[in-house]
PDB file of N, CA and C in Angstrom:
ATOM      1  N   MET A   1     -24.131 120.531 158.530  1.00  0.00           N
ATOM      2  CA  MET A   1     -25.500 120.047 158.706  1.00  0.00           C
ATOM      3  C   MET A   1     -25.837 119.098 157.448  1.00  0.00           C
ATOM      4  N   LYS A   2     -26.589 118.145 157.942  1.00  0.00           N
ATOM      5  CA  LYS A   2     -26.958 117.095 156.884  1.00  0.00           C
ATOM      6  C   LYS A   2     -28.457 116.979 156.973  1.00  0.00           C
ATOM      7  N   LEU A   3     -29.328 117.722 156.042  1.00  0.00           N
ATOM      8  CA  LEU A   3     -30.587 117.469 155.734  1.00  0.00           C
ATOM      9  C   LEU A   3     -30.873 117.318 154.375  1.00  0.00           C
ATOM     10  N   CYS A   4     -31.281 116.108 153.979  1.00  0.00           N
ATOM     11  CA  CYS A   4     -31.811 115.838 152.551  1.00  0.00           C
ATOM     12  C   CYS A   4     -33.203 116.109 152.321  1.00  0.00           C
ATOM     13  N   LYS A   5     -33.388 116.162 150.972  1.00  0.00           N
ATOM     14  CA  LYS A   5     -34.889 116.403 150.405  1.00  0.00           C
ATOM     15  C   LYS A   5     -35.905 115.690 151.165  1.00  0.00           C
ATOM     16  N   GLU A   6     -35.504 114.155 151.304  1.00  0.00           N
ATOM     17  CA  GLU A   6     -36.558 113.285 151.899  1.00  0.00           C
ATOM     18  C   GLU A   6     -37.022 113.715 153.248  1.00  0.00           C
ATOM     19  N   MET A   7     -36.042 114.094 154.015  1.00  0.00           N
ATOM     20  CA  MET A   7     -36.300 114.670 155.522  1.00  0.00           C
ATOM     21  C   MET A   7     -37.381 115.712 155.276  1.00  0.00           C
ATOM     22  N   VAL A   8     -37.147 116.908 154.450  1.00  0.00           N
ATOM     23  CA  VAL A   8     -38.154 117.855 154.382  1.00  0.00           C
ATOM     24  C   VAL A   8     -39.484 117.350 153.815  1.00  0.00           C
ATOM     25  N   GLU A   9     -39.304 116.282 152.877  1.00  0.00           N
ATOM     26  CA  GLU A   9     -40.650 115.556 152.198  1.00  0.00           C
ATOM     27  C   GLU A   9     -41.387 115.021 153.519  1.00  0.00           C
ATOM     28  N   ALA A  10     -40.679 114.308 154.382  1.00  0.00           N
ATOM     29  CA  ALA A  10     -41.261 113.625 155.555  1.00  0.00           C
ATOM     30  C   ALA A  10     -41.890 114.719 156.279  1.00  0.00           C
ATOM     31  N   MET A  11     -41.515 116.030 156.527  1.00  0.00           N
ATOM     32  CA  MET A  11     -42.043 117.112 157.285  1.00  0.00           C
ATOM     33  C   MET A  11     -43.235 117.652 156.651  1.00  0.00           C
ATOM     34  N   GLY A  12     -43.413 117.335 155.262  1.00  0.00           N
ATOM     35  CA  GLY A  12     -44.591 117.946 154.641  1.00  0.00           C
ATOM     36  C   GLY A  12     -44.253 118.703 153.475  1.00  0.00           C
ATOM     37  N   GLY A  13     -43.290 119.051 153.028  1.00  0.00           N
ATOM     38  CA  GLY A  13     -42.705 119.626 152.095  1.00  0.00           C
ATOM     39  C   GLY A  13     -42.045 121.027 152.566  1.00  0.00           C
ATOM     40  N   ALA A  14     -41.327 121.906 151.847  1.00  0.00           N
ATOM     41  CA  ALA A  14     -40.904 122.949 152.079  1.00  0.00           C
ATOM     42  C   ALA A  14     -41.702 124.208 152.482  1.00  0.00           C
ATOM     43  N   GLU A  15     -42.995 123.941 152.174  1.00  0.00           N
ATOM     44  CA  GLU A  15     -43.849 125.044 152.292  1.00  0.00           C
ATOM     45  C   GLU A  15     -44.839 124.608 153.646  1.00  0.00           C
ATOM     46  N   SER A  16     -44.570 123.636 154.161  1.00  0.00           N
ATOM     47  CA  SER A  16     -45.518 123.070 155.145  1.00  0.00           C
ATOM     48  C   SER A  16     -45.130 123.683 156.600  1.00  0.00           C
ATOM     49  N   GLN A  17     -46.081 123.607 157.498  1.00  0.00           N
ATOM     50  CA  GLN A  17     -46.104 124.048 158.781  1.00  0.00           C
ATOM     51  C   GLN A  17     -44.895 123.477 159.709  1.00  0.00           C
ATOM     52  N   TYR A  18     -44.823 122.238 159.443  1.00  0.00           N
ATOM     53  CA  TYR A  18     -44.061 121.309 160.162  1.00  0.00           C
ATOM     54  C   TYR A  18     -42.567 121.834 159.524  1.00  0.00           C
ATOM     55  N   TYR A  19     -42.181 121.843 158.396  1.00  0.00           N
ATOM     56  CA  TYR A  19     -40.913 122.441 158.112  1.00  0.00           C
ATOM     57  C   TYR A  19     -40.637 123.734 158.547  1.00  0.00           C
ATOM     58  N   THR A  20     -41.571 124.749 158.480  1.00  0.00           N
ATOM     59  CA  THR A  20     -41.311 125.966 159.068  1.00  0.00           C
ATOM     60  C   THR A  20     -40.912 125.999 160.578  1.00  0.00           C
ATOM     61  N   ARG A  21     -41.968 125.110 160.967  1.00  0.00           N
ATOM     62  CA  ARG A  21     -41.714 124.991 162.790  1.00  0.00           C
ATOM     63  C   ARG A  21     -40.144 124.405 162.961  1.00  0.00           C
ATOM     64  N   PHE A  22     -39.984 123.490 162.205  1.00  0.00           N
ATOM     65  CA  PHE A  22     -38.426 122.919 162.428  1.00  0.00           C
ATOM     66  C   PHE A  22     -37.304 123.717 162.146  1.00  0.00           C
ATOM     67  N   LYS A  23     -37.833 124.844 161.250  1.00  0.00           N
ATOM     68  CA  LYS A  23     -36.582 125.985 160.950  1.00  0.00           C
ATOM     69  C   LYS A  23     -36.588 126.724 162.188  1.00  0.00           C
ATOM     70  N   SER A  24     -37.644 127.199 162.472  1.00  0.00           N
ATOM     71  CA  SER A  24     -37.863 128.061 163.520  1.00  0.00           C
ATOM     72  C   SER A  24     -37.310 127.601 164.811  1.00  0.00           C
ATOM     73  N   TYR A  25     -37.485 126.262 165.242  1.00  0.00           N
ATOM     74  CA  TYR A  25     -37.002 125.653 166.575  1.00  0.00           C
ATOM     75  C   TYR A  25     -35.446 125.580 166.210  1.00  0.00           C
ATOM     76  N   SER A  26     -34.963 125.155 165.168  1.00  0.00           N
ATOM     77  CA  SER A  26     -33.415 124.945 164.832  1.00  0.00           C
ATOM     78  C   SER A  26     -32.711 126.267 165.113  1.00  0.00           C
ATOM     79  N   CYS A  27     -33.375 127.341 164.638  1.00  0.00           N
ATOM     80  CA  CYS A  27     -32.659 128.467 164.800  1.00  0.00           C
ATOM     81  C   CYS A  27     -32.720 129.027 166.185  1.00  0.00           C
ATOM     82  N   GLU A  28     -33.843 128.727 166.882  1.00  0.00           N
ATOM     83  CA  GLU A  28     -33.777 129.090 168.132  1.00  0.00           C
ATOM     84  C   GLU A  28     -32.766 128.252 169.194  1.00  0.00           C
ATOM     85  N   ALA A  29     -32.784 126.977 168.753  1.00  0.00           N
ATOM     86  CA  ALA A  29     -31.901 126.163 169.630  1.00  0.00           C
ATOM     87  C   ALA A  29     -30.478 126.773 169.277  1.00  0.00           C
ATOM     88  N   TYR A  30     -30.118 126.864 167.945  1.00  0.00           N
ATOM     89  CA  TYR A  30     -28.756 127.235 167.746  1.00  0.00           C
ATOM     90  C   TYR A  30     -28.365 128.597 168.342  1.00  0.00           C
ATOM     91  N   ASN A  31     -29.328 129.791 168.488  1.00  0.00           N
ATOM     92  CA  ASN A  31     -29.218 130.819 169.550  1.00  0.00           C
ATOM     93  C   ASN A  31     -28.993 130.482 170.831  1.00  0.00           C
ATOM     94  N   ILE A  32     -29.601 129.505 171.343  1.00  0.00           N
ATOM     95  CA  ILE A  32     -29.478 129.105 172.625  1.00  0.00           C
ATOM     96  C   ILE A  32     -28.202 128.354 173.048  1.00  0.00           C
ATOM     97  N   LEU A  33     -27.501 127.791 172.177  1.00  0.00           N
ATOM     98  CA  LEU A  33     -26.327 127.144 172.067  1.00  0.00           C
ATOM     99  C   LEU A  33     -25.443 128.038 172.064  1.00  0.00           C
ATOM    100  N   ARG A  34     -25.459 129.104 171.267  1.00  0.00           N
ATOM    101  CA  ARG A  34     -24.390 130.068 171.132  1.00  0.00           C
ATOM    102  C   ARG A  34     -24.418 131.065 172.584  1.00  0.00           C
ATOM    103  N   LYS A  35     -25.462 131.139 173.005  1.00  0.00           N
ATOM    104  CA  LYS A  35     -25.467 131.884 174.578  1.00  0.00           C
ATOM    105  C   LYS A  35     -24.930 131.049 175.598  1.00  0.00           C
ATOM    106  N   SER A  36     -24.696 129.783 175.526  1.00  0.00           N
ATOM    107  CA  SER A  36     -23.891 128.882 176.303  1.00  0.00           C
ATOM    108  C   SER A  36     -22.612 128.338 175.961  1.00  0.00           C
ATOM    109  N   SER A  37     -22.278 129.290 174.907  1.00  0.00           N
ATOM    110  CA  SER A  37     -20.838 128.880 174.237  1.00  0.00           C
ATOM    111  C   SER A  37     -19.608 128.598 174.830  1.00  0.00           C
ATOM    112  N   ASN A  38     -19.554 129.675 175.909  1.00  0.00           N
ATOM    113  CA  ASN A  38     -18.466 129.730 176.782  1.00  0.00           C
ATOM    114  C   ASN A  38     -18.308 128.597 177.686  1.00  0.00           C
ATOM    115  N   LEU A  39     -19.446 128.016 178.206  1.00  0.00           N
ATOM    116  CA  LEU A  39     -19.644 126.675 178.834  1.00  0.00           C
ATOM    117  C   LEU A  39     -19.319 125.605 178.155  1.00  0.00           C
ATOM    118  N   ILE A  40     -19.809 125.390 176.801  1.00  0.00           N
ATOM    119  CA  ILE A  40     -19.654 124.292 175.787  1.00  0.00           C
ATOM    120  C   ILE A  40     -18.091 124.323 175.622  1.00  0.00           C
ATOM    121  N   LEU A  41     -17.250 125.643 175.181  1.00  0.00           N
ATOM    122  CA  LEU A  41     -16.064 125.564 174.683  1.00  0.00           C
ATOM    123  C   LEU A  41     -15.287 125.037 175.881  1.00  0.00           C
ATOM    124  N   ASN A  42     -15.575 125.493 177.166  1.00  0.00           N
ATOM    125  CA  ASN A  42     -14.739 125.129 178.435  1.00  0.00           C
ATOM    126  C   ASN A  42     -14.816 123.568 178.547  1.00  0.00           C
ATOM    127  N   LEU A  43     -15.895 123.150 178.361  1.00  0.00           N
ATOM    128  CA  LEU A  43     -16.180 121.657 178.538  1.00  0.00           C
ATOM    129  C   LEU A  43     -15.422 120.797 177.485  1.00  0.00           C
ATOM    130  N   PHE A  44     -15.467 121.254 176.226  1.00  0.00           N
ATOM    131  CA  PHE A  44     -14.480 120.548 175.310  1.00  0.00           C
ATOM    132  C   PHE A  44     -13.344 120.921 175.509  1.00  0.00           C
ATOM    133  N   LYS A  45     -12.749 121.752 176.030  1.00  0.00           N
ATOM    134  CA  LYS A  45     -11.192 121.774 176.165  1.00  0.00           C
ATOM    135  C   LYS A  45     -10.704 121.061 177.289  1.00  0.00           C
ATOM    136  N   LEU A  46     -11.792 120.657 178.189  1.00  0.00           N
ATOM    137  CA  LEU A  46     -11.473 119.640 179.267  1.00  0.00           C
ATOM    138  C   LEU A  46     -11.531 118.364 178.684  1.00  0.00           C
ATOM    139  N   MET A  47     -12.293 118.049 177.672  1.00  0.00           N
ATOM    140  CA  MET A  47     -12.213 116.801 176.781  1.00  0.00           C
ATOM    141  C   MET A  47     -11.375 116.497 176.184  1.00  0.00           C
ATOM    142  N   GLU A  48     -10.633 117.494 175.456  1.00  0.00           N
ATOM    143  CA  GLU A  48      -9.608 117.627 174.919  1.00  0.00           C
ATOM    144  C   GLU A  48      -8.162 117.093 175.539  1.00  0.00           C
ATOM    145  N   ARG A  49      -8.174 117.241 176.844  1.00  0.00           N
ATOM    146  CA  ARG A  49      -7.351 116.801 177.791  1.00  0.00           C
ATOM    147  C   ARG A  49      -7.431 115.526 178.355  1.00  0.00           C
ATOM    148  N   SER A  50      -8.514 115.006 178.187  1.00  0.00           N
ATOM    149  CA  SER A  50      -8.930 113.689 178.928  1.00  0.00           C
ATOM    150  C   SER A  50      -8.240 112.443 178.162  1.00  0.00           C
ATOM    151  N   GLY A  51      -7.794 112.532 176.847  1.00  0.00           N
ATOM    152  CA  GLY A  51      -7.295 111.720 176.088  1.00  0.00           C
ATOM    153  C   GLY A  51      -8.271 110.740 175.330  1.00  0.00           C
ATOM    154  N   ILE A  52      -9.706 111.212 175.178  1.00  0.00           N
ATOM    155  CA  ILE A  52     -10.569 110.576 174.354  1.00  0.00           C
ATOM    156  C   ILE A  52      -9.992 110.775 172.858  1.00  0.00           C
ATOM    157  N   PRO A  53      -9.723 109.684 172.429  1.00  0.00           N
ATOM    158  CA  PRO A  53      -9.038 109.938 170.775  1.00  0.00           C
ATOM    159  C   PRO A  53      -9.706 110.720 169.815  1.00  0.00           C
ATOM    160  N   ASP A  54     -10.888 110.596 169.646  1.00  0.00           N
ATOM    161  CA  ASP A  54     -11.222 111.554 168.579  1.00  0.00           C
ATOM    162  C   ASP A  54     -11.308 112.895 168.826  1.00  0.00           C
ATOM    163  N   ILE A  55     -11.213 113.322 170.162  1.00  0.00           N
ATOM    164  CA  ILE A  55     -11.492 114.557 170.600  1.00  0.00           C
ATOM    165  C   ILE A  55     -10.141 115.100 170.898  1.00  0.00           C
ATOM    166  N   SER A  56      -9.096 114.616 171.443  1.00  0.00           N
ATOM    167  CA  SER A  56      -7.945 115.011 171.581  1.00  0.00           C
ATOM    168  C   SER A  56      -6.753 114.680 170.480  1.00  0.00           C
ATOM    169  N   SER A  57      -7.066 114.203 169.283  1.00  0.00           N
ATOM    170  CA  SER A  57      -6.068 113.998 168.278  1.00  0.00           C
ATOM    171  C   SER A  57      -6.033 115.181 167.417  1.00  0.00           C
ATOM    172  N   ASP A  58      -7.143 116.134 167.541  1.00  0.00           N
ATOM    173  CA  ASP A  58      -7.200 117.215 166.629  1.00  0.00           C
ATOM    174  C   ASP A  58      -7.119 118.457 167.637  1.00  0.00           C
ATOM    175  N   GLU A  59      -6.264 119.076 167.636  1.00  0.00           N
ATOM    176  CA  GLU A  59      -5.647 120.153 168.291  1.00  0.00           C
ATOM    177  C   GLU A  59      -6.472 121.431 168.153  1.00  0.00           C
ATOM    178  N   SER A  60      -7.150 121.543 166.848  1.00  0.00           N
ATOM    179  CA  SER A  60      -7.654 122.583 166.585  1.00  0.00           C
ATOM    180  C   SER A  60      -9.051 122.347 166.692  1.00  0.00           C
ATOM    181  N   GLY A  61      -9.713 121.458 167.222  1.00  0.00           N
ATOM    182  CA  GLY A  61     -11.227 121.056 167.403  1.00  0.00           C
ATOM    183  C   GLY A  61     -11.865 122.064 168.184  1.00  0.00           C
ATOM    184  N   GLY A  62     -11.119 122.783 169.117  1.00  0.00           N
ATOM    185  CA  GLY A  62     -11.712 123.662 169.967  1.00  0.00           C
ATOM    186  C   GLY A  62     -11.977 124.911 169.147  1.00  0.00           C
ATOM    187  N   LEU A  63     -11.254 125.269 168.105  1.00  0.00           N
ATOM    188  CA  LEU A  63     -11.221 126.509 167.226  1.00  0.00           C
ATOM    189  C   LEU A  63     -12.297 126.273 166.203  1.00  0.00           C
ATOM    190  N   LYS A  64     -12.257 124.717 165.766  1.00  0.00           N
ATOM    191  CA  LYS A  64     -13.356 124.652 164.723  1.00  0.00           C
ATOM    192  C   LYS A  64     -14.705 124.723 165.412  1.00  0.00           C
ATOM    193  N   LEU A  65     -14.902 124.348 166.853  1.00  0.00           N
ATOM    194  CA  LEU A  65     -16.134 124.321 167.313  1.00  0.00           C
ATOM    195  C   LEU A  65     -16.567 125.651 167.603  1.00  0.00           C
ATOM    196  N   GLN A  66     -15.712 126.586 167.997  1.00  0.00           N
ATOM    197  CA  GLN A  66     -15.816 127.841 168.234  1.00  0.00           C
ATOM    198  C   GLN A  66     -16.428 128.629 167.077  1.00  0.00           C
ATOM    199  N   GLU A  67     -15.746 128.310 165.846  1.00  0.00           N
ATOM    200  CA  GLU A  67     -15.991 128.980 164.641  1.00  0.00           C
ATOM    201  C   GLU A  67     -17.627 128.570 164.192  1.00  0.00           C
ATOM    202  N   LYS A  68     -18.074 127.513 164.351  1.00  0.00           N
ATOM    203  CA  LYS A  68     -19.313 126.808 164.387  1.00  0.00           C
ATOM    204  C   LYS A  68     -20.428 127.735 164.951  1.00  0.00           C
ATOM    205  N   PHE A  69     -20.335 128.429 166.269  1.00  0.00           N
ATOM    206  CA  PHE A  69     -20.951 129.219 166.833  1.00  0.00           C
ATOM    207  C   PHE A  69     -21.195 130.618 166.271  1.00  0.00           C
ATOM    208  N   ARG A  70     -20.219 130.835 165.268  1.00  0.00           N
ATOM    209  CA  ARG A  70     -20.394 132.390 164.729  1.00  0.00           C
ATOM    210  C   ARG A  70     -20.470 133.520 165.782  1.00  0.00           C
ATOM    211  N   LEU A  71     -19.726 133.434 166.747  1.00  0.00           N
ATOM    212  CA  LEU A  71     -19.976 134.497 167.735  1.00  0.00           C
ATOM    213  C   LEU A  71     -19.829 135.859 167.327  1.00  0.00           C
ATOM    214  N   ASP A  72     -19.454 136.194 166.179  1.00  0.00           N
ATOM    215  CA  ASP A  72     -19.196 137.500 165.579  1.00  0.00           C
ATOM    216  C   ASP A  72     -20.503 137.958 165.202  1.00  0.00           C
ATOM    217  N   LEU A  73     -21.515 137.111 165.104  1.00  0.00           N
ATOM    218  CA  LEU A  73     -23.020 137.570 164.649  1.00  0.00           C
ATOM    219  C   LEU A  73     -23.557 137.969 165.952  1.00  0.00           C
ATOM    220  N   ASP A  74     -24.721 138.889 165.371  1.00  0.00           N
ATOM    221  CA  ASP A  74     -25.753 139.232 166.847  1.00  0.00           C
ATOM    222  C   ASP A  74     -26.943 138.019 166.412  1.00  0.00           C
ATOM    223  N   ASP A  75     -27.898 137.773 167.199  1.00  0.00           N
ATOM    224  CA  ASP A  75     -28.905 136.756 167.203  1.00  0.00           C
ATOM    225  C   ASP A  75     -29.502 136.652 165.803  1.00  0.00           C
ATOM    226  N   GLU A  76     -30.055 137.992 165.439  1.00  0.00           N
ATOM    227  CA  GLU A  76     -30.783 138.079 164.092  1.00  0.00           C
ATOM    228  C   GLU A  76     -29.724 137.466 162.940  1.00  0.00           C
ATOM    229  N   GLU A  77     -28.439 138.010 163.030  1.00  0.00           N
ATOM    230  CA  GLU A  77     -27.711 137.483 161.833  1.00  0.00           C
ATOM    231  C   GLU A  77     -27.352 136.065 161.837  1.00  0.00           C
ATOM    232  N   ALA A  78     -27.242 135.574 163.269  1.00  0.00           N
ATOM    233  CA  ALA A  78     -27.162 134.215 163.397  1.00  0.00           C
ATOM    234  C   ALA A  78     -28.273 133.281 162.998  1.00  0.00           C
ATOM    235  N   ILE A  79     -29.452 133.796 163.084  1.00  0.00           N
ATOM    236  CA  ILE A  79     -30.810 133.217 162.515  1.00  0.00           C
ATOM    237  C   ILE A  79     -30.735 133.107 160.862  1.00  0.00           C
ATOM    238  N   HIS A  80     -30.338 134.149 160.468  1.00  0.00           N
ATOM    239  CA  HIS A  80     -29.936 134.271 158.873  1.00  0.00           C
ATOM    240  C   HIS A  80     -28.986 133.338 158.377  1.00  0.00           C
ATOM    241  N   PHE A  81     -27.913 133.381 158.960  1.00  0.00           N
ATOM    242  CA  PHE A  81     -26.935 132.498 158.916  1.00  0.00           C
ATOM    243  C   PHE A  81     -27.312 130.885 158.841  1.00  0.00           C
ATOM    244  N   PHE A  82     -28.054 130.649 160.128  1.00  0.00           N
ATOM    245  CA  PHE A  82     -28.481 129.340 160.269  1.00  0.00           C
ATOM    246  C   PHE A  82     -29.468 128.912 159.226  1.00  0.00           C
ATOM    247  N   GLN A  83     -30.329 129.802 158.806  1.00  0.00           N
ATOM    248  CA  GLN A  83     -31.277 129.239 157.795  1.00  0.00           C
ATOM    249  C   GLN A  83     -30.621 129.259 156.397  1.00  0.00           C
ATOM    250  N   ASP A  84     -29.615 130.056 156.194  1.00  0.00           N
ATOM    251  CA  ASP A  84     -28.764 129.547 154.800  1.00  0.00           C
ATOM    252  C   ASP A  84     -28.300 128.271 154.899  1.00  0.00           C
ATOM    253  N   LEU A  85     -27.756 128.127 156.133  1.00  0.00           N
ATOM    254  CA  LEU A  85     -27.026 126.711 156.109  1.00  0.00           C
ATOM    255  C   LEU A  85     -28.052 125.609 155.992  1.00  0.00           C
ATOM    256  N   ILE A  86     -29.190 125.816 156.467  1.00  0.00           N
ATOM    257  CA  ILE A  86     -30.251 124.628 156.446  1.00  0.00           C
ATOM    258  C   ILE A  86     -30.751 124.784 154.838  1.00  0.00           C
ATOM    259  N   ASN A  87     -30.894 125.626 154.241  1.00  0.00           N
ATOM    260  CA  ASN A  87     -31.337 126.046 152.845  1.00  0.00           C
ATOM    261  C   ASN A  87     -30.046 125.176 151.767  1.00  0.00           C
ATOM    262  N   GLU A  88     -28.758 125.629 152.211  1.00  0.00           N
ATOM    263  CA  GLU A  88     -28.123 125.111 151.521  1.00  0.00           C
ATOM    264  C   GLU A  88     -27.572 123.572 151.652  1.00  0.00           C
ATOM    265  N   SER A  89     -28.006 123.153 152.697  1.00  0.00           N
ATOM    266  CA  SER A  89     -27.963 121.614 153.155  1.00  0.00           C
ATOM    267  C   SER A  89     -28.932 121.022 152.176  1.00  0.00           C
ATOM    268  N   VAL A  90     -30.222 121.355 152.113  1.00  0.00           N
ATOM    269  CA  VAL A  90     -31.397 120.851 151.334  1.00  0.00           C
ATOM    270  C   VAL A  90     -30.938 120.862 149.971  1.00  0.00           C
ATOM    271  N   SER A  91     -30.558 122.028 149.619  1.00  0.00           N
ATOM    272  CA  SER A  91     -30.116 121.915 147.840  1.00  0.00           C
ATOM    273  C   SER A  91     -28.957 121.341 147.389  1.00  0.00           C
ATOM    274  N   ALA A  92     -28.234 120.866 148.425  1.00  0.00           N
ATOM    275  CA  ALA A  92     -26.827 120.251 148.009  1.00  0.00           C
ATOM    276  C   ALA A  92     -26.864 119.035 146.982  1.00  0.00           C
ATOM    277  N   LEU A  93     -26.082 119.048 146.070  1.00  0.00           N
ATOM    278  CA  LEU A  93     -26.363 117.988 145.025  1.00  0.00           C
ATOM    279  C   LEU A  93     -26.089 116.744 145.278  1.00  0.00           C
ATOM    280  N   PHE A  94     -25.180 116.384 146.320  1.00  0.00           N
ATOM    281  CA  PHE A  94     -24.976 114.975 146.490  1.00  0.00           C
ATOM    282  C   PHE A  94     -24.746 114.555 147.971  1.00  0.00           C
ATOM    283  N   PRO A  95     -25.843 114.698 148.756  1.00  0.00           N
ATOM    284  CA  PRO A  95     -25.798 114.517 150.144  1.00  0.00           C
ATOM    285  C   PRO A  95     -25.794 112.959 150.342  1.00  0.00           C
ATOM    286  N   GLU A  96     -26.300 112.070 149.483  1.00  0.00           N
ATOM    287  CA  GLU A  96     -26.308 110.799 149.674  1.00  0.00           C
ATOM    288  C   GLU A  96     -25.004 110.323 149.506  1.00  0.00           C
ATOM    289  N   MET A  97     -24.096 110.973 148.518  1.00  0.00           N
ATOM    290  CA  MET A  97     -22.655 110.657 148.362  1.00  0.00           C
ATOM    291  C   MET A  97     -21.969 110.861 149.536  1.00  0.00           C
ATOM    292  N   VAL A  98     -22.280 111.983 149.944  1.00  0.00           N
ATOM    293  CA  VAL A  98     -21.353 112.582 151.262  1.00  0.00           C
ATOM    294  C   VAL A  98     -21.738 111.471 152.307  1.00  0.00           C
ATOM    295  N   GLU A  99     -22.760 111.037 152.648  1.00  0.00           N
ATOM    296  CA  GLU A  99     -23.333 110.351 153.681  1.00  0.00           C
ATOM    297  C   GLU A  99     -22.521 108.840 153.559  1.00  0.00           C
ATOM    298  N   THR A 100     -22.501 108.301 152.313  1.00  0.00           N
ATOM    299  CA  THR A 100     -21.803 107.128 151.994  1.00  0.00           C
ATOM    300  C   THR A 100     -20.480 107.056 152.274  1.00  0.00           C
ATOM    301  N   ILE A 101     -19.984 108.274 151.928  1.00  0.00           N
ATOM    302  CA  ILE A 101     -18.230 108.375 152.257  1.00  0.00           C
ATOM    303  C   ILE A 101     -18.179 108.577 153.833  1.00  0.00           C
ATOM    304  N   HIS A 102     -19.077 109.092 154.281  1.00  0.00           N
ATOM    305  CA  HIS A 102     -18.909 109.213 155.678  1.00  0.00           C
ATOM    306  C   HIS A 102     -19.159 107.973 156.341  1.00  0.00           C
ATOM    307  N   ARG A 103     -19.972 107.242 156.056  1.00  0.00           N
ATOM    308  CA  ARG A 103     -20.163 105.827 156.672  1.00  0.00           C
ATOM    309  C   ARG A 103     -18.938 104.974 156.280  1.00  0.00           C
ATOM    310  N   TRP A 104     -18.465 105.044 154.998  1.00  0.00           N
ATOM    311  CA  TRP A 104     -17.199 104.276 154.929  1.00  0.00           C
ATOM    312  C   TRP A 104     -16.030 104.697 155.853  1.00  0.00           C
ATOM    313  N   ALA A 105     -15.847 106.133 155.976  1.00  0.00           N
ATOM    314  CA  ALA A 105     -14.691 106.472 156.857  1.00  0.00           C
ATOM    315  C   ALA A 105     -14.981 106.238 158.168  1.00  0.00           C
ATOM    316  N   GLN A 106     -16.107 106.405 158.866  1.00  0.00           N
ATOM    317  CA  GLN A 106     -16.513 105.590 160.130  1.00  0.00           C
ATOM    318  C   GLN A 106     -16.104 104.173 160.215  1.00  0.00           C
ATOM    319  N   TYR A 107     -16.449 103.430 159.103  1.00  0.00           N
ATOM    320  CA  TYR A 107     -16.457 101.956 159.230  1.00  0.00           C
ATOM    321  C   TYR A 107     -14.904 101.556 159.432  1.00  0.00           C
ATOM    322  N   TRP A 108     -13.895 102.424 158.438  1.00  0.00           N
ATOM    323  CA  TRP A 108     -12.609 102.143 158.521  1.00  0.00           C
ATOM    324  C   TRP A 108     -11.612 102.665 159.631  1.00  0.00           C
ATOM    325  N   ARG A 109     -12.194 103.440 160.543  1.00  0.00           N
ATOM    326  CA  ARG A 109     -11.704 104.052 161.748  1.00  0.00           C
ATOM    327  C   ARG A 109     -11.410 102.973 162.654  1.00  0.00           C
TER     328      ARG A 109
END
C-alpha cells in the first residue's frame, strides 16, 4: 500500500473525520474482498493461463495474491492488520523514493 503523508494531509490530517472514514471504508472494502477471495483467486488463475505477460510470467503470483488476503485471520484481526498496514505506509521514511524507483522500473519495462 502506498499512502504518503501528503495524502493524509489532503484528507484533513490524521485526526480528521475524513481520514478516519477513509480508514474505516478501506478496512470494510478489504474484508469484502476477502469474502470474495475464492472468486478473485480463481479469476487470477484463469488470467495466469491467458498469456498476459505481467501475470503469466510470475508463477507464484497466485500465492502472493492469496497471502495479501490474509485468510488466516478473522474479520476483526484483518481490520487490525489492515489498519497497521495503513499506519506503516503513512509513517514510511522514503515513500517518494520508492515511488520514483517504481516509476523508473515501469519506464524500463
